Amino acid sequence: MTRSSTRTTSFDVAALAGVSQSAVSRAFTPGSSIAEETRQKVLEAARRLNYVPNSIASSLTTKRSNIVALILGNLANPFYVHVMHAFSRKLQEHGRQVLIFTVDAGAESDDAILQVLKYQVDGVILTSAQLSTRMTSMCHDRGIPIVLFNRYIPGSDASGVRCDNTAGGRLLAEAFLAAGAKSYLIVTGDPTATTSGDRVRGFMDRLIEGGIKRTDITQIEGYSSYEGAFSATIRYFSAPDVKRPEAIFGVNDIMAMGVMDALQLRLGIRVPKDLMLAGFDDIPEGRRAPYHLTTVRQPIDQMVNETLAILHLDEPTRPIERGIDRRIAGRLIWRSTIPVPQGNG
C-alpha cells in the first residue's frame, strides 16, 4: 500500500494565524524581530496544523543551511567528546545544528573536508591536527570559514582559538618545582600536534629555568590515549636499572589517568606518596575520587564562544577572518596528585 500525505506549508499557517508568510518564518527563527503576540498566534496555528518548518526548503531560499561541520580527530580523548557537546549545545541555542565528521588521530583532514564540501555548511570547526593549505583555500573560496579549535597549523591562513598550552605547561612545572620534585618523566601525545608540543615546551623551559638539568627530564610516547600511556608506563618502569622519576607529567588528563592506574594497580607505586603526577585539560573523569588529578583546566565554554565569534555566522556577508590566533589562558587546578606546599593551600 502506497503511503501518501499532504504537507502543511507556511502559507497554510499564515492563513490560519492571519499573518504574512514572512511572519511565520520569523516566528521560527531564533533572534528574529517579531511581536510576542504575533509569535504566539503563529505557534498556535502551527500546533493545530501539525506544521514543522522545513529547514532544507529554507536553505534553498536563504542559501544558508544553519549547519556547522565539526571535524574531530581524537575521540579516544574524552576532552573532545566534551568539546563536541559544548559546540552542539551552543549552536542549538541559536537554532543551528552540528554535522560531525571524524578522522583518525594524527591523520590528514583533507578527505573529511572534501566530504564537508558536499553539504551546504555555513562553517567548519577543525580539532584534528593536519590540514593542507589547499583545503583551507578551497573552503574560503566557497565562502565557508574554517576555524581551528585548540591548535594551529603553521603556514595556514585559517584562524584558530586555543588554550595557551605553553603557559599551561609552565604552570604545571611551577607546581612540581614548588613541591620539591628534582627528576621528571613526560608522557607525550601526538608528535604531529602543536598542542602536545607546546605543553612539553613550556613545561621543560620552566623546569630548566628552575635549575633542573636536561638529563633529569625523560620523555616517552603515550600516543594520546589511556591505553598508550598505561602500556608505556609499564614498559618504562619495567626496564632494568631504570631511574624512577619524582614527578610525571601526562600531557593530557586521559594519559595521566592511564599512568596513574599503571603505577598503582600494576606497579605498586603510590601517587602522590611515592611519585607526583599531573595532567592537562581538567576533564570530569579526572576529577573523580580514584584520580583527583592536578591539572590545567581548559576554558572550553570561552574557547567555544570565541570560535563561533570568529565564524560570525550571523553576518555571512562579512569577509572571512584569516590568520587570527587567539590564545586563552588555562587555570591550574591543584588537587591531590601533587602535595600542596606549605603556604600554597
C-alpha atoms as a PDB file:
ATOM      1  CA  MET A   1       0.000   0.000   0.000  1.00  0.00           C
ATOM      2  CA  THR A   2       1.436   3.383  -1.019  1.00  0.00           C
ATOM      3  CA  ARG A   3       1.693   5.989   1.701  1.00  0.00           C
ATOM      4  CA  SER A   4       0.559   9.486   0.869  1.00  0.00           C
ATOM      5  CA  SER A   5       0.250  12.684   2.843  1.00  0.00           C
ATOM      6  CA  THR A   6      -0.496  16.341   2.383  1.00  0.00           C
ATOM      7  CA  ARG A   7       2.173  18.539   3.930  1.00  0.00           C
ATOM      8  CA  THR A   8       1.172  21.698   5.670  1.00  0.00           C
ATOM      9  CA  THR A   9       3.064  24.737   4.384  1.00  0.00           C
ATOM     10  CA  SER A  10       3.999  28.034   5.969  1.00  0.00           C
ATOM     11  CA  PHE A  11       1.321  29.656   3.799  1.00  0.00           C
ATOM     12  CA  ASP A  12      -1.308  27.443   5.467  1.00  0.00           C
ATOM     13  CA  VAL A  13      -0.080  28.528   8.886  1.00  0.00           C
ATOM     14  CA  ALA A  14      -0.049  32.177   7.825  1.00  0.00           C
ATOM     15  CA  ALA A  15      -3.629  31.935   6.575  1.00  0.00           C
ATOM     16  CA  LEU A  16      -4.896  30.352   9.802  1.00  0.00           C
ATOM     17  CA  ALA A  17      -2.987  32.806  12.010  1.00  0.00           C
ATOM     18  CA  GLY A  18      -3.977  35.809   9.908  1.00  0.00           C
ATOM     19  CA  VAL A  19      -0.375  36.936   9.374  1.00  0.00           C
ATOM     20  CA  SER A  20       2.065  37.127   6.484  1.00  0.00           C
ATOM     21  CA  GLN A  21       4.227  34.181   5.404  1.00  0.00           C
ATOM     22  CA  SER A  22       7.333  36.133   6.406  1.00  0.00           C
ATOM     23  CA  ALA A  23       5.928  36.439   9.944  1.00  0.00           C
ATOM     24  CA  VAL A  24       5.716  32.647  10.097  1.00  0.00           C
ATOM     25  CA  SER A  25       9.352  32.431   9.039  1.00  0.00           C
ATOM     26  CA  ARG A  26      10.406  34.970  11.698  1.00  0.00           C
ATOM     27  CA  ALA A  27       8.429  33.117  14.380  1.00  0.00           C
ATOM     28  CA  PHE A  28      10.585  30.024  13.858  1.00  0.00           C
ATOM     29  CA  THR A  29      13.897  31.882  13.514  1.00  0.00           C
ATOM     30  CA  PRO A  30      15.717  32.452  16.833  1.00  0.00           C
ATOM     31  CA  GLY A  31      16.567  36.095  17.392  1.00  0.00           C
ATOM     32  CA  SER A  32      14.240  37.424  14.677  1.00  0.00           C
ATOM     33  CA  SER A  33      12.258  40.591  15.298  1.00  0.00           C
ATOM     34  CA  ILE A  34       8.592  39.687  15.876  1.00  0.00           C
ATOM     35  CA  ALA A  35       5.985  40.762  18.393  1.00  0.00           C
ATOM     36  CA  GLU A  36       5.339  38.162  21.057  1.00  0.00           C
ATOM     37  CA  GLU A  37       1.598  38.241  20.425  1.00  0.00           C
ATOM     38  CA  THR A  38       2.180  37.519  16.734  1.00  0.00           C
ATOM     39  CA  ARG A  39       4.654  34.755  17.507  1.00  0.00           C
ATOM     40  CA  GLN A  40       2.159  33.038  19.813  1.00  0.00           C
ATOM     41  CA  LYS A  41      -0.582  33.230  17.137  1.00  0.00           C
ATOM     42  CA  VAL A  42       1.787  31.579  14.641  1.00  0.00           C
ATOM     43  CA  LEU A  43       2.836  28.862  17.098  1.00  0.00           C
ATOM     44  CA  GLU A  44      -0.785  28.062  17.948  1.00  0.00           C
ATOM     45  CA  ALA A  45      -1.716  27.819  14.266  1.00  0.00           C
ATOM     46  CA  ALA A  46       1.313  25.604  13.633  1.00  0.00           C
ATOM     47  CA  ARG A  47       0.289  23.332  16.518  1.00  0.00           C
ATOM     48  CA  ARG A  48      -3.241  22.977  15.189  1.00  0.00           C
ATOM     49  CA  LEU A  49      -1.966  22.135  11.693  1.00  0.00           C
ATOM     50  CA  ASN A  50       0.906  19.899  12.887  1.00  0.00           C
ATOM     51  CA  TYR A  51       3.283  22.173  10.989  1.00  0.00           C
ATOM     52  CA  VAL A  52       7.081  21.792  11.295  1.00  0.00           C
ATOM     53  CA  PRO A  53       9.405  24.168   9.368  1.00  0.00           C
ATOM     54  CA  ASN A  54      11.348  22.575   6.510  1.00  0.00           C
ATOM     55  CA  SER A  55      14.969  23.594   7.024  1.00  0.00           C
ATOM     56  CA  ILE A  56      16.010  22.177   3.639  1.00  0.00           C
ATOM     57  CA  ALA A  57      13.470  24.288   1.791  1.00  0.00           C
ATOM     58  CA  SER A  58      14.529  27.306   3.831  1.00  0.00           C
ATOM     59  CA  SER A  59      18.193  26.788   2.902  1.00  0.00           C
ATOM     60  CA  LEU A  60      17.303  26.788  -0.798  1.00  0.00           C
ATOM     61  CA  THR A  61      15.828  30.244  -0.354  1.00  0.00           C
ATOM     62  CA  THR A  62      18.354  31.790   2.014  1.00  0.00           C
ATOM     63  CA  LYS A  63      21.471  29.949   0.756  1.00  0.00           C
ATOM     64  CA  ARG A  64      22.197  29.295   4.448  1.00  0.00           C
ATOM     65  CA  SER A  65      21.806  25.809   5.943  1.00  0.00           C
ATOM     66  CA  ASN A  66      22.305  26.720   9.625  1.00  0.00           C
ATOM     67  CA  ILE A  67      24.603  23.679   9.779  1.00  0.00           C
ATOM     68  CA  VAL A  68      28.197  23.838  11.032  1.00  0.00           C
ATOM     69  CA  ALA A  69      30.637  20.999  10.368  1.00  0.00           C
ATOM     70  CA  LEU A  70      32.731  19.850  13.328  1.00  0.00           C
ATOM     71  CA  ILE A  71      35.718  17.670  12.421  1.00  0.00           C
ATOM     72  CA  LEU A  72      37.020  15.648  15.369  1.00  0.00           C
ATOM     73  CA  GLY A  73      40.366  13.888  15.342  1.00  0.00           C
ATOM     74  CA  ASN A  74      40.693  12.048  18.646  1.00  0.00           C
ATOM     75  CA  LEU A  75      37.522  10.758  20.263  1.00  0.00           C
ATOM     76  CA  ALA A  76      39.687   8.446  22.407  1.00  0.00           C
ATOM     77  CA  ASN A  77      40.353  11.598  24.437  1.00  0.00           C
ATOM     78  CA  PRO A  78      37.183  12.475  26.419  1.00  0.00           C
ATOM     79  CA  PHE A  79      38.147  16.149  26.221  1.00  0.00           C
ATOM     80  CA  TYR A  80      36.963  16.248  22.613  1.00  0.00           C
ATOM     81  CA  VAL A  81      33.712  14.482  23.476  1.00  0.00           C
ATOM     82  CA  HIS A  82      33.028  17.308  25.924  1.00  0.00           C
ATOM     83  CA  VAL A  83      34.027  19.823  23.228  1.00  0.00           C
ATOM     84  CA  MET A  84      31.508  18.216  20.854  1.00  0.00           C
ATOM     85  CA  HIS A  85      28.755  18.537  23.461  1.00  0.00           C
ATOM     86  CA  ALA A  86      29.679  22.173  24.151  1.00  0.00           C
ATOM     87  CA  PHE A  87      29.531  23.149  20.473  1.00  0.00           C
ATOM     88  CA  SER A  88      26.279  21.225  19.931  1.00  0.00           C
ATOM     89  CA  ARG A  89      24.633  22.885  22.922  1.00  0.00           C
ATOM     90  CA  LYS A  90      25.757  26.394  21.990  1.00  0.00           C
ATOM     91  CA  LEU A  91      24.808  26.101  18.303  1.00  0.00           C
ATOM     92  CA  GLN A  92      21.397  24.603  19.109  1.00  0.00           C
ATOM     93  CA  GLU A  93      20.705  27.540  21.417  1.00  0.00           C
ATOM     94  CA  HIS A  94      20.955  29.717  18.300  1.00  0.00           C
ATOM     95  CA  GLY A  95      18.860  27.488  16.052  1.00  0.00           C
ATOM     96  CA  ARG A  96      21.794  25.749  14.347  1.00  0.00           C
ATOM     97  CA  GLN A  97      22.882  22.127  14.085  1.00  0.00           C
ATOM     98  CA  VAL A  98      26.229  20.318  14.043  1.00  0.00           C
ATOM     99  CA  LEU A  99      27.345  17.885  11.359  1.00  0.00           C
ATOM    100  CA  ILE A 100      30.026  15.617  12.864  1.00  0.00           C
ATOM    101  CA  PHE A 101      32.954  14.187  10.929  1.00  0.00           C
ATOM    102  CA  THR A 102      35.751  12.114  12.450  1.00  0.00           C
ATOM    103  CA  VAL A 103      39.282  11.360  11.317  1.00  0.00           C
ATOM    104  CA  ASP A 104      41.861   9.067  12.856  1.00  0.00           C
ATOM    105  CA  ALA A 105      44.190  10.717  15.368  1.00  0.00           C
ATOM    106  CA  GLY A 106      47.121  12.265  13.528  1.00  0.00           C
ATOM    107  CA  ALA A 107      45.565  11.674  10.092  1.00  0.00           C
ATOM    108  CA  GLU A 108      45.090  14.257   7.350  1.00  0.00           C
ATOM    109  CA  SER A 109      41.776  16.126   7.445  1.00  0.00           C
ATOM    110  CA  ASP A 110      41.682  16.793   3.687  1.00  0.00           C
ATOM    111  CA  ASP A 111      39.394  13.832   2.935  1.00  0.00           C
ATOM    112  CA  ALA A 112      36.982  14.983   5.633  1.00  0.00           C
ATOM    113  CA  ILE A 113      36.978  18.499   4.156  1.00  0.00           C
ATOM    114  CA  LEU A 114      36.086  17.056   0.746  1.00  0.00           C
ATOM    115  CA  GLN A 115      33.150  15.283   2.397  1.00  0.00           C
ATOM    116  CA  VAL A 116      32.132  18.523   4.148  1.00  0.00           C
ATOM    117  CA  LEU A 117      32.032  20.369   0.827  1.00  0.00           C
ATOM    118  CA  LYS A 118      29.291  18.018  -0.385  1.00  0.00           C
ATOM    119  CA  TYR A 119      26.987  19.692   2.133  1.00  0.00           C
ATOM    120  CA  GLN A 120      25.877  23.303   2.284  1.00  0.00           C
ATOM    121  CA  VAL A 121      27.518  24.033   5.633  1.00  0.00           C
ATOM    122  CA  ASP A 122      27.897  27.581   6.906  1.00  0.00           C
ATOM    123  CA  GLY A 123      31.257  26.994   8.590  1.00  0.00           C
ATOM    124  CA  VAL A 124      33.854  24.413   9.617  1.00  0.00           C
ATOM    125  CA  ILE A 125      35.428  23.849  13.042  1.00  0.00           C
ATOM    126  CA  LEU A 126      38.517  21.654  12.954  1.00  0.00           C
ATOM    127  CA  THR A 127      40.050  19.926  16.003  1.00  0.00           C
ATOM    128  CA  SER A 128      42.331  17.476  14.158  1.00  0.00           C
ATOM    129  CA  ALA A 129      45.962  18.258  13.542  1.00  0.00           C
ATOM    130  CA  GLN A 130      46.595  18.020   9.813  1.00  0.00           C
ATOM    131  CA  LEU A 131      45.091  20.230   7.105  1.00  0.00           C
ATOM    132  CA  SER A 132      46.633  21.342   3.813  1.00  0.00           C
ATOM    133  CA  THR A 133      46.595  24.995   2.796  1.00  0.00           C
ATOM    134  CA  ARG A 134      44.912  23.857  -0.428  1.00  0.00           C
ATOM    135  CA  MET A 135      41.869  22.618   1.500  1.00  0.00           C
ATOM    136  CA  THR A 136      41.719  25.821   3.523  1.00  0.00           C
ATOM    137  CA  SER A 137      41.736  27.888   0.340  1.00  0.00           C
ATOM    138  CA  MET A 138      39.089  25.651  -1.236  1.00  0.00           C
ATOM    139  CA  CYS A 139      36.708  26.345   1.651  1.00  0.00           C
ATOM    140  CA  HIS A 140      37.469  30.060   1.774  1.00  0.00           C
ATOM    141  CA  ASP A 141      36.957  30.384  -1.988  1.00  0.00           C
ATOM    142  CA  ARG A 142      33.451  28.962  -1.475  1.00  0.00           C
ATOM    143  CA  GLY A 143      32.715  31.427   1.307  1.00  0.00           C
ATOM    144  CA  ILE A 144      32.988  28.781   4.037  1.00  0.00           C
ATOM    145  CA  PRO A 145      35.111  29.929   7.009  1.00  0.00           C
ATOM    146  CA  ILE A 146      37.338  27.438   8.867  1.00  0.00           C
ATOM    147  CA  VAL A 147      38.337  27.929  12.488  1.00  0.00           C
ATOM    148  CA  LEU A 148      40.854  25.654  14.203  1.00  0.00           C
ATOM    149  CA  PHE A 149      39.998  24.650  17.762  1.00  0.00           C
ATOM    150  CA  ASN A 150      42.800  24.212  20.322  1.00  0.00           C
ATOM    151  CA  ARG A 151      45.519  24.056  17.716  1.00  0.00           C
ATOM    152  CA  TYR A 152      47.182  25.966  14.931  1.00  0.00           C
ATOM    153  CA  ILE A 153      48.733  24.882  11.658  1.00  0.00           C
ATOM    154  CA  PRO A 154      51.964  26.689  10.727  1.00  0.00           C
ATOM    155  CA  GLY A 155      51.741  28.126   7.230  1.00  0.00           C
ATOM    156  CA  SER A 156      47.937  28.121   7.149  1.00  0.00           C
ATOM    157  CA  ASP A 157      45.843  31.288   6.993  1.00  0.00           C
ATOM    158  CA  ALA A 158      42.989  29.585   8.859  1.00  0.00           C
ATOM    159  CA  SER A 159      42.114  31.342  12.096  1.00  0.00           C
ATOM    160  CA  GLY A 160      42.153  29.490  15.380  1.00  0.00           C
ATOM    161  CA  VAL A 161      41.299  29.542  19.073  1.00  0.00           C
ATOM    162  CA  ARG A 162      43.391  27.622  21.590  1.00  0.00           C
ATOM    163  CA  CYS A 163      44.264  27.339  25.211  1.00  0.00           C
ATOM    164  CA  ASP A 164      47.662  28.870  25.924  1.00  0.00           C
ATOM    165  CA  ASN A 165      49.254  25.430  26.144  1.00  0.00           C
ATOM    166  CA  THR A 166      52.797  26.725  26.569  1.00  0.00           C
ATOM    167  CA  ALA A 167      51.799  28.832  29.581  1.00  0.00           C
ATOM    168  CA  GLY A 168      49.800  25.896  30.953  1.00  0.00           C
ATOM    169  CA  GLY A 169      52.857  23.663  30.774  1.00  0.00           C
ATOM    170  CA  ARG A 170      54.784  26.283  32.716  1.00  0.00           C
ATOM    171  CA  LEU A 171      52.100  26.386  35.427  1.00  0.00           C
ATOM    172  CA  LEU A 172      52.418  22.639  35.994  1.00  0.00           C
ATOM    173  CA  ALA A 173      56.215  22.824  36.080  1.00  0.00           C
ATOM    174  CA  GLU A 174      55.967  25.534  38.736  1.00  0.00           C
ATOM    175  CA  ALA A 175      53.638  23.340  40.791  1.00  0.00           C
ATOM    176  CA  PHE A 176      56.094  20.419  40.683  1.00  0.00           C
ATOM    177  CA  LEU A 177      59.046  22.678  41.484  1.00  0.00           C
ATOM    178  CA  ALA A 178      57.182  24.175  44.441  1.00  0.00           C
ATOM    179  CA  ALA A 179      56.525  20.623  45.692  1.00  0.00           C
ATOM    180  CA  GLY A 180      60.247  19.841  45.511  1.00  0.00           C
ATOM    181  CA  ALA A 181      60.480  17.420  42.557  1.00  0.00           C
ATOM    182  CA  LYS A 182      64.014  17.034  41.125  1.00  0.00           C
ATOM    183  CA  SER A 183      63.586  14.430  38.351  1.00  0.00           C
ATOM    184  CA  TYR A 184      60.826  14.128  35.750  1.00  0.00           C
ATOM    185  CA  LEU A 185      59.124  11.876  33.215  1.00  0.00           C
ATOM    186  CA  ILE A 186      56.962  13.424  30.465  1.00  0.00           C
ATOM    187  CA  VAL A 187      54.378  11.217  28.744  1.00  0.00           C
ATOM    188  CA  THR A 188      53.866  12.943  25.402  1.00  0.00           C
ATOM    189  CA  GLY A 189      50.968  12.889  22.944  1.00  0.00           C
ATOM    190  CA  ASP A 190      50.595  13.057  19.171  1.00  0.00           C
ATOM    191  CA  PRO A 191      54.007  14.187  17.823  1.00  0.00           C
ATOM    192  CA  THR A 192      52.300  15.955  14.890  1.00  0.00           C
ATOM    193  CA  ALA A 193      50.044  18.053  17.136  1.00  0.00           C
ATOM    194  CA  THR A 194      51.041  21.555  18.157  1.00  0.00           C
ATOM    195  CA  THR A 195      49.009  21.081  21.343  1.00  0.00           C
ATOM    196  CA  SER A 196      51.292  18.411  22.813  1.00  0.00           C
ATOM    197  CA  GLY A 197      54.463  20.117  21.599  1.00  0.00           C
ATOM    198  CA  ASP A 198      53.562  23.456  23.153  1.00  0.00           C
ATOM    199  CA  ARG A 199      52.748  21.892  26.518  1.00  0.00           C
ATOM    200  CA  VAL A 200      56.012  19.975  26.589  1.00  0.00           C
ATOM    201  CA  ARG A 201      57.994  23.051  25.540  1.00  0.00           C
ATOM    202  CA  GLY A 202      56.504  25.273  28.224  1.00  0.00           C
ATOM    203  CA  PHE A 203      56.947  22.574  30.866  1.00  0.00           C
ATOM    204  CA  MET A 204      60.594  21.875  30.033  1.00  0.00           C
ATOM    205  CA  ASP A 205      61.579  25.518  29.674  1.00  0.00           C
ATOM    206  CA  ARG A 206      60.218  26.314  33.139  1.00  0.00           C
ATOM    207  CA  LEU A 207      61.948  23.299  34.702  1.00  0.00           C
ATOM    208  CA  ILE A 208      65.290  24.308  33.229  1.00  0.00           C
ATOM    209  CA  GLU A 209      64.767  27.887  34.400  1.00  0.00           C
ATOM    210  CA  GLY A 210      64.135  26.378  37.838  1.00  0.00           C
ATOM    211  CA  GLY A 211      67.507  24.623  37.853  1.00  0.00           C
ATOM    212  CA  ILE A 212      66.517  21.137  36.655  1.00  0.00           C
ATOM    213  CA  LYS A 213      69.099  19.502  34.361  1.00  0.00           C
ATOM    214  CA  ARG A 214      68.003  18.191  30.962  1.00  0.00           C
ATOM    215  CA  THR A 215      69.456  14.817  31.930  1.00  0.00           C
ATOM    216  CA  ASP A 216      66.865  14.665  34.732  1.00  0.00           C
ATOM    217  CA  ILE A 217      63.965  15.004  32.259  1.00  0.00           C
ATOM    218  CA  THR A 218      62.912  11.930  30.242  1.00  0.00           C
ATOM    219  CA  GLN A 219      60.207  11.723  27.572  1.00  0.00           C
ATOM    220  CA  ILE A 220      58.198   8.687  26.462  1.00  0.00           C
ATOM    221  CA  GLU A 221      55.379   8.437  23.904  1.00  0.00           C
ATOM    222  CA  GLY A 222      51.889   7.906  25.321  1.00  0.00           C
ATOM    223  CA  TYR A 223      50.020   8.018  21.985  1.00  0.00           C
ATOM    224  CA  SER A 224      47.442  10.485  23.348  1.00  0.00           C
ATOM    225  CA  SER A 225      45.389   7.663  24.859  1.00  0.00           C
ATOM    226  CA  TYR A 226      44.728   5.922  28.167  1.00  0.00           C
ATOM    227  CA  GLU A 227      45.883   2.556  26.801  1.00  0.00           C
ATOM    228  CA  GLY A 228      49.004   4.006  25.206  1.00  0.00           C
ATOM    229  CA  ALA A 229      50.081   5.774  28.394  1.00  0.00           C
ATOM    230  CA  PHE A 230      49.257   2.736  30.550  1.00  0.00           C
ATOM    231  CA  SER A 231      51.408   0.421  28.414  1.00  0.00           C
ATOM    232  CA  ALA A 232      54.228   2.959  28.048  1.00  0.00           C
ATOM    233  CA  THR A 233      54.402   3.369  31.826  1.00  0.00           C
ATOM    234  CA  ILE A 234      54.626  -0.395  32.387  1.00  0.00           C
ATOM    235  CA  ARG A 235      57.414  -0.691  29.797  1.00  0.00           C
ATOM    236  CA  TYR A 236      59.368   2.234  31.210  1.00  0.00           C
ATOM    237  CA  PHE A 237      59.278   1.171  34.852  1.00  0.00           C
ATOM    238  CA  SER A 238      59.912  -2.476  33.978  1.00  0.00           C
ATOM    239  CA  ALA A 239      63.188  -1.705  32.213  1.00  0.00           C
ATOM    240  CA  PRO A 240      66.355  -2.802  34.068  1.00  0.00           C
ATOM    241  CA  ASP A 241      68.143  -0.147  36.119  1.00  0.00           C
ATOM    242  CA  VAL A 242      65.514   2.495  35.304  1.00  0.00           C
ATOM    243  CA  LYS A 243      65.840   5.694  37.297  1.00  0.00           C
ATOM    244  CA  ARG A 244      62.496   6.355  38.959  1.00  0.00           C
ATOM    245  CA  PRO A 245      61.401   9.987  38.499  1.00  0.00           C
ATOM    246  CA  GLU A 246      59.942  12.000  41.314  1.00  0.00           C
ATOM    247  CA  ALA A 247      57.228  13.507  39.101  1.00  0.00           C
ATOM    248  CA  ILE A 248      55.346  12.620  35.908  1.00  0.00           C
ATOM    249  CA  PHE A 249      53.578  14.999  33.552  1.00  0.00           C
ATOM    250  CA  GLY A 250      50.917  13.344  31.359  1.00  0.00           C
ATOM    251  CA  VAL A 251      50.396  15.818  28.529  1.00  0.00           C
ATOM    252  CA  ASN A 252      46.645  15.279  28.704  1.00  0.00           C
ATOM    253  CA  ASP A 253      44.394  14.027  31.513  1.00  0.00           C
ATOM    254  CA  ILE A 254      43.416  10.734  29.892  1.00  0.00           C
ATOM    255  CA  MET A 255      47.101   9.772  29.601  1.00  0.00           C
ATOM    256  CA  ALA A 256      47.776  10.876  33.171  1.00  0.00           C
ATOM    257  CA  MET A 257      44.918   8.607  34.280  1.00  0.00           C
ATOM    258  CA  GLY A 258      46.469   5.702  32.363  1.00  0.00           C
ATOM    259  CA  VAL A 259      49.811   6.420  34.027  1.00  0.00           C
ATOM    260  CA  MET A 260      48.210   6.539  37.467  1.00  0.00           C
ATOM    261  CA  ASP A 261      46.418   3.226  37.038  1.00  0.00           C
ATOM    262  CA  ALA A 262      49.584   1.554  35.748  1.00  0.00           C
ATOM    263  CA  LEU A 263      51.576   2.872  38.708  1.00  0.00           C
ATOM    264  CA  GLN A 264      49.107   1.983  41.439  1.00  0.00           C
ATOM    265  CA  LEU A 265      47.370  -1.121  40.073  1.00  0.00           C
ATOM    266  CA  ARG A 266      50.260  -2.873  38.331  1.00  0.00           C
ATOM    267  CA  LEU A 267      53.499  -1.484  39.770  1.00  0.00           C
ATOM    268  CA  GLY A 268      52.585  -0.806  43.398  1.00  0.00           C
ATOM    269  CA  ILE A 269      53.756   2.817  43.206  1.00  0.00           C
ATOM    270  CA  ARG A 270      51.538   5.187  45.164  1.00  0.00           C
ATOM    271  CA  VAL A 271      50.509   8.659  43.975  1.00  0.00           C
ATOM    272  CA  PRO A 272      51.468  11.111  45.414  1.00  0.00           C
ATOM    273  CA  LYS A 273      53.246   9.385  48.317  1.00  0.00           C
ATOM    274  CA  ASP A 274      55.876   7.707  46.115  1.00  0.00           C
ATOM    275  CA  LEU A 275      55.615   9.819  42.983  1.00  0.00           C
ATOM    276  CA  MET A 276      53.835  13.043  41.931  1.00  0.00           C
ATOM    277  CA  LEU A 277      51.605  13.275  38.841  1.00  0.00           C
ATOM    278  CA  ALA A 278      49.751  15.906  36.800  1.00  0.00           C
ATOM    279  CA  GLY A 279      47.692  16.055  33.609  1.00  0.00           C
ATOM    280  CA  PHE A 280      46.211  18.750  31.393  1.00  0.00           C
ATOM    281  CA  ASP A 281      42.591  19.546  30.302  1.00  0.00           C
ATOM    282  CA  ASP A 282      40.551  19.030  33.522  1.00  0.00           C
ATOM    283  CA  ILE A 283      38.135  16.502  32.067  1.00  0.00           C
ATOM    284  CA  PRO A 284      35.354  15.490  34.508  1.00  0.00           C
ATOM    285  CA  GLU A 285      36.706  11.927  34.659  1.00  0.00           C
ATOM    286  CA  GLY A 286      39.964  13.164  36.180  1.00  0.00           C
ATOM    287  CA  ARG A 287      38.122  14.963  38.963  1.00  0.00           C
ATOM    288  CA  ARG A 288      36.683  11.731  40.334  1.00  0.00           C
ATOM    289  CA  ALA A 289      37.827  10.226  43.613  1.00  0.00           C
ATOM    290  CA  PRO A 290      40.126   7.470  42.229  1.00  0.00           C
ATOM    291  CA  TYR A 291      42.222  10.144  40.466  1.00  0.00           C
ATOM    292  CA  HIS A 292      41.594  13.633  41.901  1.00  0.00           C
ATOM    293  CA  LEU A 293      44.132  14.797  39.348  1.00  0.00           C
ATOM    294  CA  THR A 294      46.134  18.009  39.500  1.00  0.00           C
ATOM    295  CA  THR A 295      45.801  19.594  36.061  1.00  0.00           C
ATOM    296  CA  VAL A 296      45.324  22.715  33.974  1.00  0.00           C
ATOM    297  CA  ARG A 297      41.721  23.494  33.129  1.00  0.00           C
ATOM    298  CA  GLN A 298      40.985  24.416  29.540  1.00  0.00           C
ATOM    299  CA  PRO A 299      38.237  27.095  29.438  1.00  0.00           C
ATOM    300  CA  ILE A 300      36.034  25.164  26.988  1.00  0.00           C
ATOM    301  CA  ASP A 301      32.995  27.473  27.086  1.00  0.00           C
ATOM    302  CA  GLN A 302      35.090  30.585  26.484  1.00  0.00           C
ATOM    303  CA  MET A 303      37.004  28.853  23.691  1.00  0.00           C
ATOM    304  CA  VAL A 304      33.744  27.729  22.051  1.00  0.00           C
ATOM    305  CA  ASN A 305      32.322  31.258  22.233  1.00  0.00           C
ATOM    306  CA  GLU A 306      35.485  32.751  20.709  1.00  0.00           C
ATOM    307  CA  THR A 307      35.431  30.163  17.910  1.00  0.00           C
ATOM    308  CA  LEU A 308      31.834  30.981  16.994  1.00  0.00           C
ATOM    309  CA  ALA A 309      32.593  34.700  17.167  1.00  0.00           C
ATOM    310  CA  ILE A 310      35.315  34.284  14.533  1.00  0.00           C
ATOM    311  CA  LEU A 311      32.925  32.297  12.319  1.00  0.00           C
ATOM    312  CA  HIS A 312      30.412  35.230  12.631  1.00  0.00           C
ATOM    313  CA  LEU A 313      27.571  33.009  11.409  1.00  0.00           C
ATOM    314  CA  ASP A 314      25.017  35.803  11.916  1.00  0.00           C
ATOM    315  CA  GLU A 315      26.919  38.034   9.488  1.00  0.00           C
ATOM    316  CA  PRO A 316      27.513  35.854   6.425  1.00  0.00           C
ATOM    317  CA  THR A 317      28.405  38.799   4.194  1.00  0.00           C
ATOM    318  CA  ARG A 318      31.379  39.802   6.357  1.00  0.00           C
ATOM    319  CA  PRO A 319      34.744  38.810   4.880  1.00  0.00           C
ATOM    320  CA  ILE A 320      36.271  35.629   6.307  1.00  0.00           C
ATOM    321  CA  GLU A 321      38.713  36.488   9.095  1.00  0.00           C
ATOM    322  CA  ARG A 322      42.094  34.935   8.316  1.00  0.00           C
ATOM    323  CA  GLY A 323      45.226  34.407  10.341  1.00  0.00           C
ATOM    324  CA  ILE A 324      43.714  35.047  13.784  1.00  0.00           C
ATOM    325  CA  ASP A 325      45.492  33.119  16.560  1.00  0.00           C
ATOM    326  CA  ARG A 326      43.519  33.642  19.758  1.00  0.00           C
ATOM    327  CA  ARG A 327      45.123  32.155  22.865  1.00  0.00           C
ATOM    328  CA  ILE A 328      43.170  31.887  26.120  1.00  0.00           C
ATOM    329  CA  ALA A 329      44.820  31.254  29.476  1.00  0.00           C
ATOM    330  CA  GLY A 330      44.182  27.973  31.299  1.00  0.00           C
ATOM    331  CA  ARG A 331      43.917  27.686  35.075  1.00  0.00           C
ATOM    332  CA  LEU A 332      45.944  25.486  37.414  1.00  0.00           C
ATOM    333  CA  ILE A 333      43.681  23.127  39.387  1.00  0.00           C
ATOM    334  CA  TRP A 334      45.683  21.799  42.326  1.00  0.00           C
ATOM    335  CA  ARG A 335      44.293  18.510  43.582  1.00  0.00           C
ATOM    336  CA  SER A 336      45.785  15.578  45.476  1.00  0.00           C
ATOM    337  CA  THR A 337      48.312  14.146  42.976  1.00  0.00           C
ATOM    338  CA  ILE A 338      50.818  16.886  43.842  1.00  0.00           C
ATOM    339  CA  PRO A 339      51.243  17.654  47.550  1.00  0.00           C
ATOM    340  CA  VAL A 340      50.401  21.287  48.204  1.00  0.00           C
ATOM    341  CA  PRO A 341      53.485  23.049  49.648  1.00  0.00           C
ATOM    342  CA  GLN A 342      53.062  24.957  52.878  1.00  0.00           C
ATOM    343  CA  GLY A 343      51.732  28.425  52.181  1.00  0.00           C
ATOM    344  CA  ASN A 344      50.032  27.346  48.900  1.00  0.00           C
ATOM    345  CA  GLY A 345      46.955  25.713  50.386  1.00  0.00           C
END
